[in-house]
Amino acid sequence: MVKVLKAKLVKLKMNKAPGVDLVRTRMLIEFADEISYIIAELFNKSLCSGDVPQDWKLTNVTLIFKKGKKSSSANYRPVSLTVNLCKVFASLVRDKMIEHLERFTLIPSMVLLKTNLI
């Protein structure tokens, strides 16, 4: 899991805003070698206990201007800024679920493609 986690960390986009923990993707990318093992342990503990850190359950919602008059609230869309490690964790879980579904042909590949899961 450590290798896969490290690969996910180094593929993060540099310009993503941090969540409530204020950990920037730049830090996760630059220190991927040093932190992958510790983060893998955290992910495994979360899987075993069925619980995630409290910060992962929180989000900062910010409004992004779309177009038109800035004075109209209809011209803004909400964006949720979640913890980057939570996104990586969810991505790893999704990948494993898809791998399991494909291996045992529980869902045809076409369904997975149509739902953008692969």
PDB file of N, CA and C in Angstrom:
ATOM      1  N   MET A   1       0.815  -1.195   0.000  1.00  0.00           N
ATOM      2  CA  MET A   1       0.000   0.000   0.000  1.00  0.00           C
ATOM      3  C   MET A   1       0.862   1.263   0.000  1.00  0.00           C
ATOM      4  N   VAL A   2       2.041   1.201   0.589  1.00  0.00           N
ATOM      5  CA  VAL A   2       2.899   2.382   0.684  1.00  0.00           C
ATOM      6  C   VAL A   2       3.304   2.872  -0.706  1.00  0.00           C
ATOM      7  N   LYS A   3       3.658   1.943  -1.607  1.00  0.00           N
ATOM      8  CA  LYS A   3       4.055   2.326  -2.967  1.00  0.00           C
ATOM      9  C   LYS A   3       2.901   3.003  -3.702  1.00  0.00           C
ATOM     10  N   VAL A   4       1.724   2.416  -3.592  1.00  0.00           N
ATOM     11  CA  VAL A   4       0.546   2.964  -4.271  1.00  0.00           C
ATOM     12  C   VAL A   4       0.209   4.336  -3.702  1.00  0.00           C
ATOM     13  N   LEU A   5       0.284   4.460  -2.389  1.00  0.00           N
ATOM     14  CA  LEU A   5       0.010   5.738  -1.733  1.00  0.00           C
ATOM     15  C   LEU A   5       0.999   6.803  -2.192  1.00  0.00           C
ATOM     16  N   LYS A   6       2.268   6.458  -2.210  1.00  0.00           N
ATOM     17  CA  LYS A   6       3.292   7.410  -2.650  1.00  0.00           C
ATOM     18  C   LYS A   6       3.028   7.857  -4.084  1.00  0.00           C
ATOM     19  N   ALA A   7       2.654   6.920  -4.949  1.00  0.00           N
ATOM     20  CA  ALA A   7       2.343   7.257  -6.337  1.00  0.00           C
ATOM     21  C   ALA A   7       1.170   8.230  -6.416  1.00  0.00           C
ATOM     22  N   LYS A   8       0.163   8.035  -5.569  1.00  0.00           N
ATOM     23  CA  LYS A   8      -0.985   8.948  -5.535  1.00  0.00           C
ATOM     24  C   LYS A   8      -0.562  10.327  -5.054  1.00  0.00           C
ATOM     25  N   LEU A   9       0.279  10.363  -4.039  1.00  0.00           N
ATOM     26  CA  LEU A   9       0.709  11.647  -3.477  1.00  0.00           C
ATOM     27  C   LEU A   9       1.482  12.476  -4.509  1.00  0.00           C
ATOM     28  N   VAL A  10       2.400  11.848  -5.210  1.00  0.00           N
ATOM     29  CA  VAL A  10       3.212  12.616  -6.155  1.00  0.00           C
ATOM     30  C   VAL A  10       2.420  13.046  -7.397  1.00  0.00           C
ATOM     31  N   LYS A  11       1.254  12.444  -7.615  1.00  0.00           N
ATOM     32  CA  LYS A  11       0.406  12.826  -8.751  1.00  0.00           C
ATOM     33  C   LYS A  11      -0.607  13.919  -8.394  1.00  0.00           C
ATOM     34  N   LEU A  12      -0.617  14.355  -7.139  1.00  0.00           N
ATOM     35  CA  LEU A  12      -1.550  15.413  -6.745  1.00  0.00           C
ATOM     36  C   LEU A  12      -1.262  16.681  -7.538  1.00  0.00           C
ATOM     37  N   LYS A  13      -2.301  17.464  -7.757  1.00  0.00           N
ATOM     38  CA  LYS A  13      -2.128  18.733  -8.463  1.00  0.00           C
ATOM     39  C   LYS A  13      -1.652  19.793  -7.474  1.00  0.00           C
ATOM     40  N   MET A  14      -0.618  20.504  -7.865  1.00  0.00           N
ATOM     41  CA  MET A  14       0.022  21.489  -7.000  1.00  0.00           C
ATOM     42  C   MET A  14      -0.910  22.641  -6.598  1.00  0.00           C
ATOM     43  N   ASN A  15      -1.854  22.999  -7.458  1.00  0.00           N
ATOM     44  CA  ASN A  15      -2.654  24.204  -7.242  1.00  0.00           C
ATOM     45  C   ASN A  15      -3.927  23.983  -6.429  1.00  0.00           C
ATOM     46  N   LYS A  16      -4.120  22.813  -5.868  1.00  0.00           N
ATOM     47  CA  LYS A  16      -5.341  22.544  -5.109  1.00  0.00           C
ATOM     48  C   LYS A  16      -5.295  23.228  -3.750  1.00  0.00           C
ATOM     49  N   ALA A  17      -6.405  23.829  -3.372  1.00  0.00           N
ATOM     50  CA  ALA A  17      -6.499  24.514  -2.080  1.00  0.00           C
ATOM     51  C   ALA A  17      -6.571  23.492  -0.951  1.00  0.00           C
ATOM     52  N   PRO A  18      -6.040  23.839   0.220  1.00  0.00           N
ATOM     53  CA  PRO A  18      -6.101  22.913   1.354  1.00  0.00           C
ATOM     54  C   PRO A  18      -7.486  22.909   1.993  1.00  0.00           C
ATOM     55  N   GLY A  19      -7.748  21.874   2.755  1.00  0.00           N
ATOM     56  CA  GLY A  19      -8.994  21.787   3.505  1.00  0.00           C
ATOM     57  C   GLY A  19      -8.822  22.430   4.864  1.00  0.00           C
ATOM     58  N   VAL A  20      -9.645  22.013   5.830  1.00  0.00           N
ATOM     59  CA  VAL A  20      -9.611  22.617   7.166  1.00  0.00           C
ATOM     60  C   VAL A  20      -8.299  22.342   7.903  1.00  0.00           C
ATOM     61  N   ASP A  21      -7.552  21.325   7.488  1.00  0.00           N
ATOM     62  CA  ASP A  21      -6.270  21.028   8.150  1.00  0.00           C
ATOM     63  C   ASP A  21      -5.139  21.925   7.652  1.00  0.00           C
ATOM     64  N   LEU A  22      -5.385  22.683   6.583  1.00  0.00           N
ATOM     65  CA  LEU A  22      -4.430  23.630   5.991  1.00  0.00           C
ATOM     66  C   LEU A  22      -3.167  22.974   5.437  1.00  0.00           C
ATOM     67  N   VAL A  23      -3.211  21.657   5.189  1.00  0.00           N
ATOM     68  CA  VAL A  23      -2.077  20.956   4.595  1.00  0.00           C
ATOM     69  C   VAL A  23      -2.172  21.108   3.084  1.00  0.00           C
ATOM     70  N   ARG A  24      -1.177  21.733   2.512  1.00  0.00           N
ATOM     71  CA  ARG A  24      -1.170  21.991   1.070  1.00  0.00           C
ATOM     72  C   ARG A  24      -0.644  20.779   0.303  1.00  0.00           C
ATOM     73  N   THR A  25      -1.101  20.646  -0.932  1.00  0.00           N
ATOM     74  CA  THR A  25      -0.661  19.523  -1.755  1.00  0.00           C
ATOM     75  C   THR A  25       0.843  19.585  -2.016  1.00  0.00           C
ATOM     76  N   ARG A  26       1.404  20.774  -2.080  1.00  0.00           N
ATOM     77  CA  ARG A  26       2.848  20.923  -2.306  1.00  0.00           C
ATOM     78  C   ARG A  26       3.639  20.159  -1.233  1.00  0.00           C
ATOM     79  N   MET A  27       3.199  20.282   0.030  1.00  0.00           N
ATOM     80  CA  MET A  27       3.880  19.575   1.117  1.00  0.00           C
ATOM     81  C   MET A  27       3.754  18.057   0.948  1.00  0.00           C
ATOM     82  N   LEU A  28       2.559  17.592   0.592  1.00  0.00           N
ATOM     83  CA  LEU A  28       2.339  16.159   0.414  1.00  0.00           C
ATOM     84  C   LEU A  28       3.200  15.614  -0.724  1.00  0.00           C
ATOM     85  N   ILE A  29       3.339  16.388  -1.780  1.00  0.00           N
ATOM     86  CA  ILE A  29       4.146  15.966  -2.927  1.00  0.00           C
ATOM     87  C   ILE A  29       5.631  15.947  -2.564  1.00  0.00           C
ATOM     88  N   GLU A  30       6.101  17.040  -1.982  1.00  0.00           N
ATOM     89  CA  GLU A  30       7.530  17.172  -1.697  1.00  0.00           C
ATOM     90  C   GLU A  30       8.025  16.199  -0.625  1.00  0.00           C
ATOM     91  N   PHE A  31       7.154  15.821   0.307  1.00  0.00           N
ATOM     92  CA  PHE A  31       7.558  14.924   1.385  1.00  0.00           C
ATOM     93  C   PHE A  31       6.956  13.529   1.254  1.00  0.00           C
ATOM     94  N   ALA A  32       6.522  13.172   0.043  1.00  0.00           N
ATOM     95  CA  ALA A  32       5.873  11.876  -0.182  1.00  0.00           C
ATOM     96  C   ALA A  32       6.733  10.713   0.303  1.00  0.00           C
ATOM     97  N   ASP A  33       8.042  10.746   0.045  1.00  0.00           N
ATOM     98  CA  ASP A  33       8.932   9.665   0.498  1.00  0.00           C
ATOM     99  C   ASP A  33       8.913   9.517   2.015  1.00  0.00           C
ATOM    100  N   GLU A  34       8.984  10.644   2.697  1.00  0.00           N
ATOM    101  CA  GLU A  34       9.098  10.628   4.153  1.00  0.00           C
ATOM    102  C   GLU A  34       7.788  10.287   4.862  1.00  0.00           C
ATOM    103  N   ILE A  35       6.642  10.663   4.279  1.00  0.00           N
ATOM    104  CA  ILE A  35       5.373  10.520   5.000  1.00  0.00           C
ATOM    105  C   ILE A  35       4.501   9.355   4.535  1.00  0.00           C
ATOM    106  N   SER A  36       4.843   8.709   3.446  1.00  0.00           N
ATOM    107  CA  SER A  36       3.985   7.649   2.891  1.00  0.00           C
ATOM    108  C   SER A  36       3.708   6.522   3.881  1.00  0.00           C
ATOM    109  N   TYR A  37       4.739   6.074   4.596  1.00  0.00           N
ATOM    110  CA  TYR A  37       4.560   4.965   5.530  1.00  0.00           C
ATOM    111  C   TYR A  37       3.614   5.353   6.675  1.00  0.00           C
ATOM    112  N   ILE A  38       3.798   6.539   7.219  1.00  0.00           N
ATOM    113  CA  ILE A  38       2.960   6.998   8.338  1.00  0.00           C
ATOM    114  C   ILE A  38       1.515   7.172   7.888  1.00  0.00           C
ATOM    115  N   ILE A  39       1.332   7.756   6.704  1.00  0.00           N
ATOM    116  CA  ILE A  39      -0.021   7.957   6.181  1.00  0.00           C
ATOM    117  C   ILE A  39      -0.685   6.614   5.880  1.00  0.00           C
ATOM    118  N   ALA A  40       0.084   5.662   5.371  1.00  0.00           N
ATOM    119  CA  ALA A  40      -0.458   4.318   5.114  1.00  0.00           C
ATOM    120  C   ALA A  40      -0.948   3.687   6.413  1.00  0.00           C
ATOM    121  N   GLU A  41      -0.196   3.877   7.497  1.00  0.00           N
ATOM    122  CA  GLU A  41      -0.632   3.358   8.805  1.00  0.00           C
ATOM    123  C   GLU A  41      -1.933   4.016   9.239  1.00  0.00           C
ATOM    124  N   LEU A  42      -2.037   5.326   9.047  1.00  0.00           N
ATOM    125  CA  LEU A  42      -3.264   6.048   9.386  1.00  0.00           C
ATOM    126  C   LEU A  42      -4.440   5.519   8.572  1.00  0.00           C
ATOM    127  N   PHE A  43      -4.233   5.321   7.268  1.00  0.00           N
ATOM    128  CA  PHE A  43      -5.293   4.795   6.411  1.00  0.00           C
ATOM    129  C   PHE A  43      -5.714   3.395   6.860  1.00  0.00           C
ATOM    130  N   ASN A  44      -4.749   2.536   7.178  1.00  0.00           N
ATOM    131  CA  ASN A  44      -5.070   1.179   7.627  1.00  0.00           C
ATOM    132  C   ASN A  44      -5.835   1.192   8.947  1.00  0.00           C
ATOM    133  N   LYS A  45      -5.445   2.062   9.865  1.00  0.00           N
ATOM    134  CA  LYS A  45      -6.172   2.170  11.142  1.00  0.00           C
ATOM    135  C   LYS A  45      -7.604   2.641  10.902  1.00  0.00           C
ATOM    136  N   SER A  46      -7.770   3.573   9.974  1.00  0.00           N
ATOM    137  CA  SER A  46      -9.116   4.053   9.650  1.00  0.00           C
ATOM    138  C   SER A  46      -9.974   2.935   9.062  1.00  0.00           C
ATOM    139  N   LEU A  47      -9.375   2.139   8.179  1.00  0.00           N
ATOM    140  CA  LEU A  47     -10.112   1.013   7.592  1.00  0.00           C
ATOM    141  C   LEU A  47     -10.486  -0.022   8.641  1.00  0.00           C
ATOM    142  N   CYS A  48      -9.559  -0.331   9.537  1.00  0.00           N
ATOM    143  CA  CYS A  48      -9.814  -1.341  10.575  1.00  0.00           C
ATOM    144  C   CYS A  48     -10.846  -0.878  11.596  1.00  0.00           C
ATOM    145  N   SER A  49     -10.791   0.392  11.968  1.00  0.00           N
ATOM    146  CA  SER A  49     -11.703   0.906  12.993  1.00  0.00           C
ATOM    147  C   SER A  49     -13.041   1.347  12.421  1.00  0.00           C
ATOM    148  N   GLY A  50     -13.059   1.620  11.110  1.00  0.00           N
ATOM    149  CA  GLY A  50     -14.293   2.105  10.498  1.00  0.00           C
ATOM    150  C   GLY A  50     -14.534   3.579  10.759  1.00  0.00           C
ATOM    151  N   ASP A  51     -13.513   4.281  11.207  1.00  0.00           N
ATOM    152  CA  ASP A  51     -13.647   5.701  11.516  1.00  0.00           C
ATOM    153  C   ASP A  51     -12.507   6.475  10.871  1.00  0.00           C
ATOM    154  N   VAL A  52     -12.751   7.731  10.585  1.00  0.00           N
ATOM    155  CA  VAL A  52     -11.721   8.594  10.001  1.00  0.00           C
ATOM    156  C   VAL A  52     -11.476   9.770  10.947  1.00  0.00           C
ATOM    157  N   PRO A  53     -10.330  10.431  10.809  1.00  0.00           N
ATOM    158  CA  PRO A  53     -10.069  11.601  11.650  1.00  0.00           C
ATOM    159  C   PRO A  53     -11.180  12.649  11.531  1.00  0.00           C
ATOM    160  N   GLN A  54     -11.450  13.328  12.623  1.00  0.00           N
ATOM    161  CA  GLN A  54     -12.543  14.307  12.669  1.00  0.00           C
ATOM    162  C   GLN A  54     -12.409  15.381  11.588  1.00  0.00           C
ATOM    163  N   ASP A  55     -11.194  15.856  11.323  1.00  0.00           N
ATOM    164  CA  ASP A  55     -10.989  16.895  10.302  1.00  0.00           C
ATOM    165  C   ASP A  55     -11.458  16.455   8.926  1.00  0.00           C
ATOM    166  N   TRP A  56     -11.416  15.160   8.649  1.00  0.00           N
ATOM    167  CA  TRP A  56     -11.834  14.655   7.345  1.00  0.00           C
ATOM    168  C   TRP A  56     -13.340  14.780   7.147  1.00  0.00           C
ATOM    169  N   LYS A  57     -14.058  14.969   8.223  1.00  0.00           N
ATOM    170  CA  LYS A  57     -15.509  15.080   8.150  1.00  0.00           C
ATOM    171  C   LYS A  57     -15.960  16.530   7.967  1.00  0.00           C
ATOM    172  N   LEU A  58     -14.998  17.450   8.009  1.00  0.00           N
ATOM    173  CA  LEU A  58     -15.305  18.872   7.905  1.00  0.00           C
ATOM    174  C   LEU A  58     -14.922  19.392   6.525  1.00  0.00           C
ATOM    175  N   THR A  59     -15.540  20.494   6.136  1.00  0.00           N
ATOM    176  CA  THR A  59     -15.222  21.105   4.850  1.00  0.00           C
ATOM    177  C   THR A  59     -15.360  22.608   4.954  1.00  0.00           C
ATOM    178  N   ASN A  60     -14.577  23.326   4.190  1.00  0.00           N
ATOM    179  CA  ASN A  60     -14.744  24.772   4.034  1.00  0.00           C
ATOM    180  C   ASN A  60     -15.494  24.980   2.732  1.00  0.00           C
ATOM    181  N   VAL A  61     -16.594  25.696   2.806  1.00  0.00           N
ATOM    182  CA  VAL A  61     -17.355  25.990   1.591  1.00  0.00           C
ATOM    183  C   VAL A  61     -17.071  27.434   1.216  1.00  0.00           C
ATOM    184  N   THR A  62     -16.655  27.627  -0.010  1.00  0.00           N
ATOM    185  CA  THR A  62     -16.366  28.967  -0.513  1.00  0.00           C
ATOM    186  C   THR A  62     -17.140  29.166  -1.811  1.00  0.00           C
ATOM    187  N   LEU A  63     -17.449  30.412  -2.105  1.00  0.00           N
ATOM    188  CA  LEU A  63     -18.194  30.717  -3.321  1.00  0.00           C
ATOM    189  C   LEU A  63     -17.240  31.155  -4.419  1.00  0.00           C
ATOM    190  N   ILE A  64     -17.433  30.618  -5.617  1.00  0.00           N
ATOM    191  CA  ILE A  64     -16.620  30.946  -6.779  1.00  0.00           C
ATOM    192  C   ILE A  64     -17.506  31.697  -7.776  1.00  0.00           C
ATOM    193  N   PHE A  65     -17.037  32.856  -8.217  1.00  0.00           N
ATOM    194  CA  PHE A  65     -17.782  33.653  -9.191  1.00  0.00           C
ATOM    195  C   PHE A  65     -17.790  32.938 -10.542  1.00  0.00           C
ATOM    196  N   LYS A  66     -18.981  32.852 -11.159  1.00  0.00           N
ATOM    197  CA  LYS A  66     -19.106  32.228 -12.476  1.00  0.00           C
ATOM    198  C   LYS A  66     -19.019  33.295 -13.550  1.00  0.00           C
ATOM    199  N   LYS A  67     -20.082  34.049 -13.729  1.00  0.00           N
ATOM    200  CA  LYS A  67     -20.106  35.130 -14.718  1.00  0.00           C
ATOM    201  C   LYS A  67     -21.318  36.006 -14.446  1.00  0.00           C
ATOM    202  N   GLY A  68     -21.353  37.147 -15.075  1.00  0.00           N
ATOM    203  CA  GLY A  68     -22.473  38.071 -14.894  1.00  0.00           C
ATOM    204  C   GLY A  68     -22.157  39.115 -13.839  1.00  0.00           C
ATOM    205  N   LYS A  69     -23.213  39.636 -13.216  1.00  0.00           N
ATOM    206  CA  LYS A  69     -23.049  40.676 -12.201  1.00  0.00           C
ATOM    207  C   LYS A  69     -22.552  40.070 -10.903  1.00  0.00           C
ATOM    208  N   LYS A  70     -21.510  40.639 -10.373  1.00  0.00           N
ATOM    209  CA  LYS A  70     -20.957  40.123  -9.111  1.00  0.00           C
ATOM    210  C   LYS A  70     -21.898  40.378  -7.936  1.00  0.00           C
ATOM    211  N   SER A  71     -22.836  41.285  -8.114  1.00  0.00           N
ATOM    212  CA  SER A  71     -23.770  41.607  -7.029  1.00  0.00           C
ATOM    213  C   SER A  71     -24.891  40.577  -6.898  1.00  0.00           C
ATOM    214  N   SER A  72     -25.043  39.696  -7.883  1.00  0.00           N
ATOM    215  CA  SER A  72     -26.105  38.691  -7.857  1.00  0.00           C
ATOM    216  C   SER A  72     -25.577  37.364  -7.307  1.00  0.00           C
ATOM    217  N   SER A  73     -26.226  36.872  -6.265  1.00  0.00           N
ATOM    218  CA  SER A  73     -25.793  35.616  -5.660  1.00  0.00           C
ATOM    219  C   SER A  73     -25.970  34.419  -6.607  1.00  0.00           C
ATOM    220  N   ALA A  74     -26.819  34.544  -7.612  1.00  0.00           N
ATOM    221  CA  ALA A  74     -27.042  33.462  -8.577  1.00  0.00           C
ATOM    222  C   ALA A  74     -25.820  33.235  -9.462  1.00  0.00           C
ATOM    223  N   ASN A  75     -24.894  34.179  -9.471  1.00  0.00           N
ATOM    224  CA  ASN A  75     -23.713  34.080 -10.321  1.00  0.00           C
ATOM    225  C   ASN A  75     -22.513  33.473  -9.597  1.00  0.00           C
ATOM    226  N   TYR A  76     -22.758  32.837  -8.493  1.00  0.00           N
ATOM    227  CA  TYR A  76     -21.701  32.174  -7.723  1.00  0.00           C
ATOM    228  C   TYR A  76     -22.055  30.717  -7.544  1.00  0.00           C
ATOM    229  N   ARG A  77     -21.044  29.876  -7.487  1.00  0.00           N
ATOM    230  CA  ARG A  77     -21.293  28.455  -7.202  1.00  0.00           C
ATOM    231  C   ARG A  77     -20.468  28.059  -5.984  1.00  0.00           C
ATOM    232  N   PRO A  78     -21.024  27.197  -5.135  1.00  0.00           N
ATOM    233  CA  PRO A  78     -20.277  26.767  -3.943  1.00  0.00           C
ATOM    234  C   PRO A  78     -19.246  25.692  -4.289  1.00  0.00           C
ATOM    235  N   VAL A  79     -18.105  25.763  -3.640  1.00  0.00           N
ATOM    236  CA  VAL A  79     -17.059  24.761  -3.786  1.00  0.00           C
ATOM    237  C   VAL A  79     -16.670  24.305  -2.385  1.00  0.00           C
ATOM    238  N   SER A  80     -16.652  22.998  -2.172  1.00  0.00           N
ATOM    239  CA  SER A  80     -16.262  22.445  -0.880  1.00  0.00           C
ATOM    240  C   SER A  80     -14.782  22.111  -0.892  1.00  0.00           C
ATOM    241  N   LEU A  81     -14.052  22.659   0.055  1.00  0.00           N
ATOM    242  CA  LEU A  81     -12.627  22.374   0.182  1.00  0.00           C
ATOM    243  C   LEU A  81     -12.457  21.338   1.283  1.00  0.00           C
ATOM    244  N   THR A  82     -12.157  20.108   0.885  1.00  0.00           N
ATOM    245  CA  THR A  82     -11.986  19.022   1.846  1.00  0.00           C
ATOM    246  C   THR A  82     -10.500  18.724   2.037  1.00  0.00           C
ATOM    247  N   VAL A  83     -10.199  17.989   3.075  1.00  0.00           N
ATOM    248  CA  VAL A  83      -8.822  17.634   3.415  1.00  0.00           C
ATOM    249  C   VAL A  83      -8.223  16.791   2.291  1.00  0.00           C
ATOM    250  N   ASN A  84      -7.050  17.186   1.809  1.00  0.00           N
ATOM    251  CA  ASN A  84      -6.410  16.489   0.684  1.00  0.00           C
ATOM    252  C   ASN A  84      -6.121  15.021   0.988  1.00  0.00           C
ATOM    253  N   LEU A  85      -5.721  14.703   2.216  1.00  0.00           N
ATOM    254  CA  LEU A  85      -5.474  13.297   2.565  1.00  0.00           C
ATOM    255  C   LEU A  85      -6.759  12.479   2.496  1.00  0.00           C
ATOM    256  N   CYS A  86      -7.879  13.097   2.820  1.00  0.00           N
ATOM    257  CA  CYS A  86      -9.165  12.404   2.717  1.00  0.00           C
ATOM    258  C   CYS A  86      -9.466  12.067   1.261  1.00  0.00           C
ATOM    259  N   LYS A  87      -9.133  12.999   0.354  1.00  0.00           N
ATOM    260  CA  LYS A  87      -9.339  12.752  -1.076  1.00  0.00           C
ATOM    261  C   LYS A  87      -8.466  11.589  -1.553  1.00  0.00           C
ATOM    262  N   VAL A  88      -7.225  11.551  -1.083  1.00  0.00           N
ATOM    263  CA  VAL A  88      -6.317  10.463  -1.467  1.00  0.00           C
ATOM    264  C   VAL A  88      -6.852   9.138  -0.924  1.00  0.00           C
ATOM    265  N   PHE A  89      -7.296   9.137   0.322  1.00  0.00           N
ATOM    266  CA  PHE A  89      -7.861   7.942   0.948  1.00  0.00           C
ATOM    267  C   PHE A  89      -9.064   7.446   0.152  1.00  0.00           C
ATOM    268  N   ALA A  90      -9.974   8.354  -0.194  1.00  0.00           N
ATOM    269  CA  ALA A  90     -11.163   7.979  -0.969  1.00  0.00           C
ATOM    270  C   ALA A  90     -10.776   7.427  -2.339  1.00  0.00           C
ATOM    271  N   SER A  91      -9.751   7.995  -2.932  1.00  0.00           N
ATOM    272  CA  SER A  91      -9.276   7.526  -4.237  1.00  0.00           C
ATOM    273  C   SER A  91      -8.725   6.102  -4.150  1.00  0.00           C
ATOM    274  N   LEU A  92      -7.973   5.815  -3.094  1.00  0.00           N
ATOM    275  CA  LEU A  92      -7.433   4.463  -2.898  1.00  0.00           C
ATOM    276  C   LEU A  92      -8.551   3.447  -2.666  1.00  0.00           C
ATOM    277  N   VAL A  93      -9.537   3.822  -1.862  1.00  0.00           N
ATOM    278  CA  VAL A  93     -10.675   2.925  -1.600  1.00  0.00           C
ATOM    279  C   VAL A  93     -11.450   2.678  -2.889  1.00  0.00           C
ATOM    280  N   ARG A  94     -11.697   3.742  -3.667  1.00  0.00           N
ATOM    281  CA  ARG A  94     -12.401   3.595  -4.942  1.00  0.00           C
ATOM    282  C   ARG A  94     -11.651   2.653  -5.882  1.00  0.00           C
ATOM    283  N   ASP A  95     -10.329   2.829  -5.983  1.00  0.00           N
ATOM    284  CA  ASP A  95      -9.527   1.977  -6.855  1.00  0.00           C
ATOM    285  C   ASP A  95      -9.624   0.507  -6.467  1.00  0.00           C
ATOM    286  N   LYS A  96      -9.560   0.238  -5.160  1.00  0.00           N
ATOM    287  CA  LYS A  96      -9.662  -1.146  -4.683  1.00  0.00           C
ATOM    288  C   LYS A  96     -11.046  -1.725  -4.942  1.00  0.00           C
ATOM    289  N   MET A  97     -12.078  -0.912  -4.766  1.00  0.00           N
ATOM    290  CA  MET A  97     -13.438  -1.387  -5.022  1.00  0.00           C
ATOM    291  C   MET A  97     -13.621  -1.738  -6.495  1.00  0.00           C
ATOM    292  N   ILE A  98     -13.137  -0.882  -7.368  1.00  0.00           N
ATOM    293  CA  ILE A  98     -13.248  -1.143  -8.811  1.00  0.00           C
ATOM    294  C   ILE A  98     -12.468  -2.396  -9.171  1.00  0.00           C
ATOM    295  N   GLU A  99     -11.261  -2.524  -8.611  1.00  0.00           N
ATOM    296  CA  GLU A  99     -10.445  -3.724  -8.866  1.00  0.00           C
ATOM    297  C   GLU A  99     -11.207  -4.988  -8.452  1.00  0.00           C
ATOM    298  N   HIS A 100     -11.856  -4.949  -7.299  1.00  0.00           N
ATOM    299  CA  HIS A 100     -12.619  -6.100  -6.797  1.00  0.00           C
ATOM    300  C   HIS A 100     -13.822  -6.388  -7.707  1.00  0.00           C
ATOM    301  N   LEU A 101     -14.552  -5.346  -8.080  1.00  0.00           N
ATOM    302  CA  LEU A 101     -15.721  -5.522  -8.943  1.00  0.00           C
ATOM    303  C   LEU A 101     -15.337  -6.117 -10.296  1.00  0.00           C
ATOM    304  N   GLU A 102     -14.215  -5.644 -10.838  1.00  0.00           N
ATOM    305  CA  GLU A 102     -13.767  -6.167 -12.133  1.00  0.00           C
ATOM    306  C   GLU A 102     -13.250  -7.601 -12.020  1.00  0.00           C
ATOM    307  N   ARG A 103     -12.490  -7.883 -10.972  1.00  0.00           N
ATOM    308  CA  ARG A 103     -11.898  -9.218 -10.816  1.00  0.00           C
ATOM    309  C   ARG A 103     -12.976 -10.288 -10.729  1.00  0.00           C
ATOM    310  N   PHE A 104     -14.048  -9.991 -10.019  1.00  0.00           N
ATOM    311  CA  PHE A 104     -15.105 -10.984  -9.830  1.00  0.00           C
ATOM    312  C   PHE A 104     -16.308 -10.721 -10.747  1.00  0.00           C
ATOM    313  N   THR A 105     -16.105  -9.882 -11.747  1.00  0.00           N
ATOM    314  CA  THR A 105     -17.153  -9.500 -12.705  1.00  0.00           C
ATOM    315  C   THR A 105     -18.517  -9.300 -12.039  1.00  0.00           C
ATOM    316  N   LEU A 106     -18.501  -8.506 -10.978  1.00  0.00           N
ATOM    317  CA  LEU A 106     -19.743  -8.197 -10.272  1.00  0.00           C
ATOM    318  C   LEU A 106     -20.527  -7.107 -10.983  1.00  0.00           C
ATOM    319  N   ILE A 107     -19.796  -6.244 -11.686  1.00  0.00           N
ATOM    320  CA  ILE A 107     -20.420  -5.200 -12.490  1.00  0.00           C
ATOM    321  C   ILE A 107     -19.671  -5.171 -13.820  1.00  0.00           C
ATOM    322  N   PRO A 108     -20.383  -5.204 -14.934  1.00  0.00           N
ATOM    323  CA  PRO A 108     -19.698  -5.164 -16.232  1.00  0.00           C
ATOM    324  C   PRO A 108     -18.870  -3.891 -16.395  1.00  0.00           C
ATOM    325  N   SER A 109     -17.756  -3.990 -17.089  1.00  0.00           N
ATOM    326  CA  SER A 109     -16.860  -2.851 -17.291  1.00  0.00           C
ATOM    327  C   SER A 109     -17.569  -1.668 -17.929  1.00  0.00           C
ATOM    328  N   MET A 110     -18.536  -1.925 -18.807  1.00  0.00           N
ATOM    329  CA  MET A 110     -19.254  -0.834 -19.458  1.00  0.00           C
ATOM    330  C   MET A 110     -19.970   0.043 -18.437  1.00  0.00           C
ATOM    331  N   VAL A 111     -20.519  -0.552 -17.384  1.00  0.00           N
ATOM    332  CA  VAL A 111     -21.193   0.231 -16.346  1.00  0.00           C
ATOM    333  C   VAL A 111     -20.190   1.124 -15.648  1.00  0.00           C
ATOM    334  N   LEU A 112     -19.009   0.582 -15.345  1.00  0.00           N
ATOM    335  CA  LEU A 112     -17.971   1.362 -14.685  1.00  0.00           C
ATOM    336  C   LEU A 112     -17.516   2.511 -15.572  1.00  0.00           C
ATOM    337  N   LEU A 113     -17.392   2.272 -16.877  1.00  0.00           N
ATOM    338  CA  LEU A 113     -16.987   3.320 -17.794  1.00  0.00           C
ATOM    339  C   LEU A 113     -18.042   4.427 -17.877  1.00  0.00           C
ATOM    340  N   LYS A 114     -19.297   4.034 -17.940  1.00  0.00           N
ATOM    341  CA  LYS A 114     -20.385   5.023 -18.041  1.00  0.00           C
ATOM    342  C   LYS A 114     -20.495   5.881 -16.795  1.00  0.00           C
ATOM    343  N   THR A 115     -20.118   5.361 -15.658  1.00  0.00           N
ATOM    344  CA  THR A 115     -20.215   6.116 -14.413  1.00  0.00           C
ATOM    345  C   THR A 115     -18.912   6.824 -14.079  1.00  0.00           C
ATOM    346  N   ASN A 116     -17.952   6.826 -15.002  1.00  0.00           N
ATOM    347  CA  ASN A 116     -16.655   7.483 -14.813  1.00  0.00           C
ATOM    348  C   ASN A 116     -15.881   6.944 -13.614  1.00  0.00           C
ATOM    349  N   LEU A 117     -16.066   5.702 -13.287  1.00  0.00           N
ATOM    350  CA  LEU A 117     -15.331   5.117 -12.163  1.00  0.00           C
ATOM    351  C   LEU A 117     -13.978   4.570 -12.581  1.00  0.00           C
ATOM    352  N   ILE A 118     -13.773   4.383 -13.883  1.00  0.00           N
ATOM    353  CA  ILE A 118     -12.441   3.942 -14.328  1.00  0.00           C
ATOM    354  C   ILE A 118     -11.960   4.848 -15.433  1.00  0.00           C
TER     355      ILE A 118
END
